[in-house]
Amino acid sequence: MAKSPKQSMRCGEVRKSTRSGKKIMKLYCSGGKRKLVHAGASGYGHNYSDAARKSFRARHKCSTAKPGTAKHLACTELWKGKGGRTKSSPKSRKGKY
């Protein structure tokens, strides 16, 4: 029988998620407990431009994210710093929300 990801991961390690529909997972360890958290919707694009990053962090209030939550994982791993494409959203999608 195969090991579960939780058993084979080290504390603080980030990997591609084994859960369908999610991008990444991280094992949080604190107080003798181990918690596996999955974050990021895999069905969406990868617009991690500076403008998109700033909007995401403000919209999700990343400054208040507590460790051990999917919000914290998304803010610190997916949306943390430089990288990603800089292309803006297609014109057809602007203003539809």
Protein backbone atom coordinates (compact mmCIF):
# COMPACT_ATOMS: atom_id res chain seq x y z
CA MET A 1 0.00 0.00 0.00
CA ALA A 2 1.32 3.46 -0.92
CA LYS A 3 2.14 6.03 1.73
CA SER A 4 -0.08 9.07 2.01
CA PRO A 5 1.58 12.39 1.12
CA LYS A 6 1.29 13.47 4.75
CA GLN A 7 3.48 10.56 5.90
CA SER A 8 6.19 11.03 3.28
CA MET A 9 6.55 14.85 3.51
CA ARG A 10 8.83 16.89 5.74
CA CYS A 11 7.43 19.77 7.80
CA GLY A 12 7.24 22.97 5.77
CA GLU A 13 7.70 21.16 2.44
CA VAL A 14 5.68 22.42 -0.54
CA ARG A 15 4.74 20.05 -3.38
CA LYS A 16 2.38 19.81 -6.31
CA SER A 17 -0.99 18.84 -4.88
CA THR A 18 -2.31 15.29 -5.04
CA ARG A 19 -5.87 16.59 -4.66
CA SER A 20 -7.69 17.12 -7.94
CA GLY A 21 -8.44 20.75 -8.68
CA LYS A 22 -5.62 22.14 -6.50
CA LYS A 23 -2.15 23.45 -7.44
CA ILE A 24 0.04 23.04 -4.35
CA MET A 25 0.09 21.47 -0.90
CA LYS A 26 2.19 22.12 2.20
CA LEU A 27 2.64 20.22 5.45
CA TYR A 28 2.34 22.51 8.48
CA CYS A 29 3.70 21.18 11.79
CA SER A 30 3.12 22.87 15.12
CA GLY A 31 2.58 21.68 18.64
CA GLY A 32 3.22 18.05 17.70
CA LYS A 33 0.41 18.08 15.11
CA ARG A 34 0.77 17.73 11.35
CA LYS A 35 -1.70 19.42 9.01
CA LEU A 36 -1.70 19.01 5.23
CA VAL A 37 -3.13 22.06 3.43
CA HIS A 38 -3.99 22.32 -0.29
CA ALA A 39 -4.38 25.65 -2.13
CA GLY A 40 -4.82 27.19 -5.56
CA ALA A 41 -7.44 26.33 -8.15
CA SER A 42 -5.81 24.46 -11.02
CA GLY A 43 -8.53 25.36 -13.51
CA TYR A 44 -7.46 29.01 -13.73
CA GLY A 45 -4.66 30.73 -15.62
CA HIS A 46 -1.31 31.91 -14.34
CA ASN A 47 -1.53 35.71 -14.37
CA TYR A 48 0.87 36.41 -11.50
CA SER A 49 1.78 39.89 -12.78
CA ASP A 50 2.55 42.66 -10.29
CA ALA A 51 -0.90 44.19 -10.79
CA ALA A 52 -2.67 40.84 -10.34
CA ARG A 53 -0.53 40.04 -7.28
CA LYS A 54 -1.32 43.39 -5.66
CA SER A 55 -5.06 42.97 -6.31
CA PHE A 56 -5.12 39.39 -4.98
CA ARG A 57 -3.22 40.27 -1.80
CA ALA A 58 -5.54 43.23 -1.08
CA ARG A 59 -8.74 41.34 -1.93
CA HIS A 60 -7.84 38.37 0.27
CA LYS A 61 -6.30 40.44 3.10
CA CYS A 62 -3.06 38.45 3.04
CA SER A 63 -1.66 40.48 5.95
CA THR A 64 -4.15 38.75 8.28
CA ALA A 65 -3.63 35.18 7.01
CA LYS A 66 -2.84 32.71 9.81
CA PRO A 67 -0.27 29.92 9.25
CA GLY A 68 -1.85 26.53 8.66
CA THR A 69 -4.61 27.83 6.39
CA ALA A 70 -5.10 27.66 2.63
CA LYS A 71 -5.26 31.46 2.57
CA HIS A 72 -1.79 31.69 4.15
CA LEU A 73 -0.40 29.08 1.75
CA ALA A 74 -1.77 30.91 -1.30
CA CYS A 75 -0.47 34.26 -0.07
CA THR A 76 3.01 33.01 0.82
CA GLU A 77 3.65 30.57 -2.03
CA LEU A 78 1.50 31.31 -5.08
CA TRP A 79 1.31 35.09 -4.78
CA LYS A 80 4.49 35.88 -2.79
CA GLY A 81 6.86 37.73 -5.11
CA LYS A 82 8.35 38.21 -8.54
CA GLY A 83 7.59 35.87 -11.41
CA GLY A 84 4.85 34.77 -13.69
CA ARG A 85 3.53 36.31 -16.85
CA THR A 86 2.86 40.01 -17.14
CA LYS A 87 0.17 39.88 -19.80
CA SER A 88 -3.06 41.56 -18.72
CA SER A 89 -6.49 39.97 -18.93
CA PRO A 90 -8.07 39.66 -22.38
CA LYS A 91 -10.21 42.63 -23.40
CA SER A 92 -13.27 40.42 -23.68
CA ARG A 93 -13.10 39.54 -19.95
CA LYS A 94 -12.71 43.07 -18.60
CA GLY A 95 -15.84 44.46 -16.98
CA LYS A 96 -17.82 41.20 -17.09
CA TYR A 97 -17.72 40.75 -13.34
